[in-house]
Structures are given as C-alpha cells and as structure tokens.
C-alpha atoms as a PDB file:
ATOM      1  CA  MET A   1      -0.372  -0.090   0.028  1.00  0.00           C
ATOM      2  CA  THR A   2       1.521   3.608  -0.957  1.00  0.00           C
ATOM      3  CA  GLU A   3       0.746   6.247   1.300  1.00  0.00           C
ATOM      4  CA  THR A   4      -1.705   7.976  -0.978  1.00  0.00           C
ATOM      5  CA  TYR A   5      -4.022   5.346   0.373  1.00  0.00           C
ATOM      6  CA  TYR A   6      -3.092   5.939   4.168  1.00  0.00           C
ATOM      7  CA  THR A   7      -4.175   8.976   3.553  1.00  0.00           C
ATOM      8  CA  HIS A   8      -7.065   9.349   0.665  1.00  0.00           C
ATOM      9  CA  GLY A   9     -10.796  10.316   1.548  1.00  0.00           C
ATOM     10  CA  SER A  10     -11.975  12.457   3.715  1.00  0.00           C
ATOM     11  CA  PRO A  11     -11.113  12.605   7.560  1.00  0.00           C
ATOM     12  CA  ALA A  12     -14.750  10.353   8.128  1.00  0.00           C
ATOM     13  CA  GLU A  13     -13.738   7.613   5.540  1.00  0.00           C
ATOM     14  CA  ARG A  14     -10.162   7.304   6.722  1.00  0.00           C
ATOM     15  CA  TRP A  15     -11.137   6.864  10.797  1.00  0.00           C
ATOM     16  CA  ASP A  16     -13.599   3.844   9.427  1.00  0.00           C
ATOM     17  CA  ARG A  17     -11.037   2.521   7.401  1.00  0.00           C
ATOM     18  CA  ALA A  18      -8.579   2.486  10.040  1.00  0.00           C
ATOM     19  CA  GLY A  19     -11.482   1.393  12.760  1.00  0.00           C
ATOM     20  CA  LEU A  20     -12.103  -1.739  10.091  1.00  0.00           C
ATOM     21  CA  PHE A  21      -7.490  -2.591  10.182  1.00  0.00           C
ATOM     22  CA  PHE A  22      -7.739  -2.386  13.800  1.00  0.00           C
ATOM     23  CA  ASP A  23     -11.035  -4.894  13.802  1.00  0.00           C
ATOM     24  CA  ALA A  24      -9.326  -7.101  11.122  1.00  0.00           C
ATOM     25  CA  LYS A  25      -5.397  -6.801  13.959  1.00  0.00           C
ATOM     26  CA  ASP A  26      -4.072  -5.429  11.385  1.00  0.00           C
ATOM     27  CA  TYR A  27      -3.027  -2.403  13.106  1.00  0.00           C
ATOM     28  CA  ILE A  28       0.228  -1.827  11.838  1.00  0.00           C
ATOM     29  CA  THR A  29      -1.851  -0.638   8.999  1.00  0.00           C
ATOM     30  CA  ALA A  30      -4.900   1.570  10.632  1.00  0.00           C
ATOM     31  CA  ALA A  31      -1.702   2.801  13.041  1.00  0.00           C
ATOM     32  CA  HIS A  32      -0.325   4.375   9.179  1.00  0.00           C
ATOM     33  CA  ILE A  33      -3.978   5.495   8.505  1.00  0.00           C
ATOM     34  CA  LEU A  34      -5.284   7.160  11.936  1.00  0.00           C
ATOM     35  CA  GLU A  35      -1.082   8.385  12.546  1.00  0.00           C
ATOM     36  CA  GLY A  36      -1.885  11.248   9.665  1.00  0.00           C
ATOM     37  CA  LEU A  37      -5.510  11.616  10.870  1.00  0.00           C
ATOM     38  CA  VAL A  38      -3.668  12.871  14.872  1.00  0.00           C
ATOM     39  CA  ASP A  39      -1.739  14.968  12.697  1.00  0.00           C
ATOM     40  CA  GLU A  40      -4.443  16.254  10.770  1.00  0.00           C
ATOM     41  CA  VAL A  41      -7.208  16.981  13.820  1.00  0.00           C
ATOM     42  CA  PRO A  42      -4.901  16.571  16.729  1.00  0.00           C
ATOM     43  CA  GLU A  43      -7.581  18.224  19.669  1.00  0.00           C
ATOM     44  CA  GLN A  44      -9.081  15.497  18.801  1.00  0.00           C
ATOM     45  CA  VAL A  45      -9.200  12.726  21.508  1.00  0.00           C
ATOM     46  CA  ALA A  46     -10.778   9.584  19.956  1.00  0.00           C
ATOM     47  CA  PRO A  47      -8.232   9.252  16.782  1.00  0.00           C
ATOM     48  CA  ARG A  48      -4.684   9.534  19.777  1.00  0.00           C
ATOM     49  CA  LEU A  49      -5.973   6.830  22.216  1.00  0.00           C
ATOM     50  CA  LEU A  50      -6.383   4.468  19.107  1.00  0.00           C
ATOM     51  CA  LEU A  51      -3.466   4.908  17.725  1.00  0.00           C
ATOM     52  CA  ALA A  52      -1.688   3.964  20.865  1.00  0.00           C
ATOM     53  CA  ARG A  53      -4.283   1.219  20.649  1.00  0.00           C
ATOM     54  CA  ALA A  54      -2.480  -0.037  17.458  1.00  0.00           C
ATOM     55  CA  TYR A  55       0.212   1.315  18.640  1.00  0.00           C
ATOM     56  CA  TYR A  56      -0.113  -1.395  21.988  1.00  0.00           C
ATOM     57  CA  HIS A  57      -0.527  -4.274  19.927  1.00  0.00           C
ATOM     58  CA  SER A  58       1.375  -3.904  18.074  1.00  0.00           C
ATOM     59  CA  ALA A  59       4.887  -3.837  20.009  1.00  0.00           C
ATOM     60  CA  GLN A  60       5.662  -0.442  19.304  1.00  0.00           C
ATOM     61  CA  LEU A  61       5.369  -0.063  23.227  1.00  0.00           C
ATOM     62  CA  TRP A  62       6.992   3.537  23.290  1.00  0.00           C
ATOM     63  CA  ARG A  63       5.128   4.826  20.528  1.00  0.00           C
ATOM     64  CA  ALA A  64       2.363   3.580  22.498  1.00  0.00           C
ATOM     65  CA  GLU A  65       3.301   5.406  25.575  1.00  0.00           C
ATOM     66  CA  THR A  66       4.304   9.271  23.961  1.00  0.00           C
ATOM     67  CA  GLU A  67       0.042   8.760  22.441  1.00  0.00           C
ATOM     68  CA  LEU A  68      -1.465   7.424  25.950  1.00  0.00           C
ATOM     69  CA  ARG A  69       0.139  10.509  27.111  1.00  0.00           C
ATOM     70  CA  ALA A  70      -1.268  13.417  25.055  1.00  0.00           C
ATOM     71  CA  VAL A  71      -4.687  11.653  24.938  1.00  0.00           C
ATOM     72  CA  LEU A  72      -4.148  12.216  29.473  1.00  0.00           C
ATOM     73  CA  GLU A  73      -2.997  15.443  28.702  1.00  0.00           C
ATOM     74  CA  ARG A  74      -5.990  16.755  26.920  1.00  0.00           C
ATOM     75  CA  ASP A  75      -8.141  14.716  28.306  1.00  0.00           C
ATOM     76  CA  PRO A  76      -7.164  13.189  32.330  1.00  0.00           C
ATOM     77  CA  VAL A  77      -9.915  11.994  32.704  1.00  0.00           C
ATOM     78  CA  GLU A  78      -9.591   8.874  30.182  1.00  0.00           C
ATOM     79  CA  SER A  79     -10.142   6.597  32.352  1.00  0.00           C
ATOM     80  CA  TYR A  80      -8.737   3.843  29.678  1.00  0.00           C
ATOM     81  CA  ALA A  81      -5.687   5.897  28.616  1.00  0.00           C
ATOM     82  CA  GLN A  82      -5.076   5.273  31.964  1.00  0.00           C
ATOM     83  CA  LEU A  83      -5.054   1.954  32.459  1.00  0.00           C
ATOM     84  CA  MET A  84      -3.716   1.216  29.348  1.00  0.00           C
ATOM     85  CA  LEU A  85      -0.618   3.610  29.962  1.00  0.00           C
ATOM     86  CA  GLY A  86      -0.351   1.386  32.669  1.00  0.00           C
ATOM     87  CA  ARG A  87      -0.251  -1.675  30.889  1.00  0.00           C
ATOM     88  CA  THR A  88       1.917  -0.085  28.654  1.00  0.00           C
ATOM     89  CA  LEU A  89       4.609   1.062  30.751  1.00  0.00           C
ATOM     90  CA  GLN A  90       3.923  -3.237  33.081  1.00  0.00           C
ATOM     91  CA  ARG A  91       4.514  -4.428  28.900  1.00  0.00           C
ATOM     92  CA  GLN A  92       7.764  -2.303  28.800  1.00  0.00           C
ATOM     93  CA  GLY A  93       9.214  -3.717  32.815  1.00  0.00           C
ATOM     94  CA  ARG A  94       8.730   0.175  34.298  1.00  0.00           C
ATOM     95  CA  ALA A  95       5.581  -1.626  37.159  1.00  0.00           C
ATOM     96  CA  GLU A  96       7.181   0.624  39.163  1.00  0.00           C
ATOM     97  CA  GLU A  97       5.393   3.146  37.746  1.00  0.00           C
ATOM     98  CA  ALA A  98       2.567   1.381  35.347  1.00  0.00           C
ATOM     99  CA  THR A  99       1.188   1.938  39.562  1.00  0.00           C
ATOM    100  CA  ARG A 100      -0.012   4.915  39.759  1.00  0.00           C
ATOM    101  CA  TYR A 101      -1.844   4.631  36.586  1.00  0.00           C
ATOM    102  CA  LEU A 102      -2.791   0.927  36.952  1.00  0.00           C
ATOM    103  CA  ARG A 103      -4.360   2.756  40.687  1.00  0.00           C
ATOM    104  CA  ILE A 104      -5.768   6.108  39.314  1.00  0.00           C
ATOM    105  CA  ALA A 105      -7.704   3.664  36.380  1.00  0.00           C
ATOM    106  CA  ALA A 106      -9.131   1.401  39.166  1.00  0.00           C
ATOM    107  CA  ALA A 107     -10.249   4.508  40.519  1.00  0.00           C
ATOM    108  CA  MET A 108     -11.857   6.286  37.878  1.00  0.00           C
ATOM    109  CA  THR A 109     -14.315   2.852  37.500  1.00  0.00           C
ATOM    110  CA  GLY A 110     -14.846   1.906  40.426  1.00  0.00           C
ATOM    111  CA  GLU A 111     -12.747  -0.910  40.848  1.00  0.00           C
ATOM    112  CA  ALA A 112     -10.329   0.047  43.067  1.00  0.00           C
ATOM    113  CA  ASP A 113     -11.197  -3.396  45.100  1.00  0.00           C
ATOM    114  CA  SER A 114      -9.514  -4.846  42.847  1.00  0.00           C
ATOM    115  CA  ILE A 115      -5.785  -3.609  42.915  1.00  0.00           C
END
C-alpha cells in the first residue's frame, strides 16, 4: 500500500477505514492511517487513543506511551487511557511507574478494590 492509500478520503472515511483494519487485527495499517488523521485533527482524543491501541497491539510500546500521554494531557479523566498507559508501562518492565496509572484507572471505574 502506498502513502496515498493511507491519506485517501475524508477524515471520516479514514477513521472508518482505520477502524476496519484495527478490527481485522491489522494494527500496523490502522496505525498508518491514524497517524495522518491525528496530525490533521490533533485536538481529537478518539483517533489518538485508537492510534495508541494500534501501537500497543503491534508492540510499538514507546509510541503507544507517547500517544497515551498526549491523550491524558488533553483529557486527564480518560480512564481507558490511564489503564492502557499502566499496561504499556508494565509491558516495558516499568511496573513501579505503571502502578500509579493502574490505580487511577481503577479508582475512576470503581474497581479500586481489585488492586
């Protein structure tokens, strides 16, 4: 696939296409599409969060961490981003740092007793 494919169509069409690739577990193609979309609409949290998930599932953990931190800068009460950041840090062997984000996510979702 060429770069033209990743940028073809309106933002809504690219969002839909990225979702299809993500659902099909083609996380790298989804990430390529979402990268351009995030650059185009950096203020929107949903494309950035899906991009972070695509990076996470394709083991691009430092990229996932970067996007998740950007999501939390824009929306600190995004509990799923808190959870994902904690899990991303765990996968990088940074369990102590991850604990903070996992606790915040659990408190936000009412699952604090499970930690």
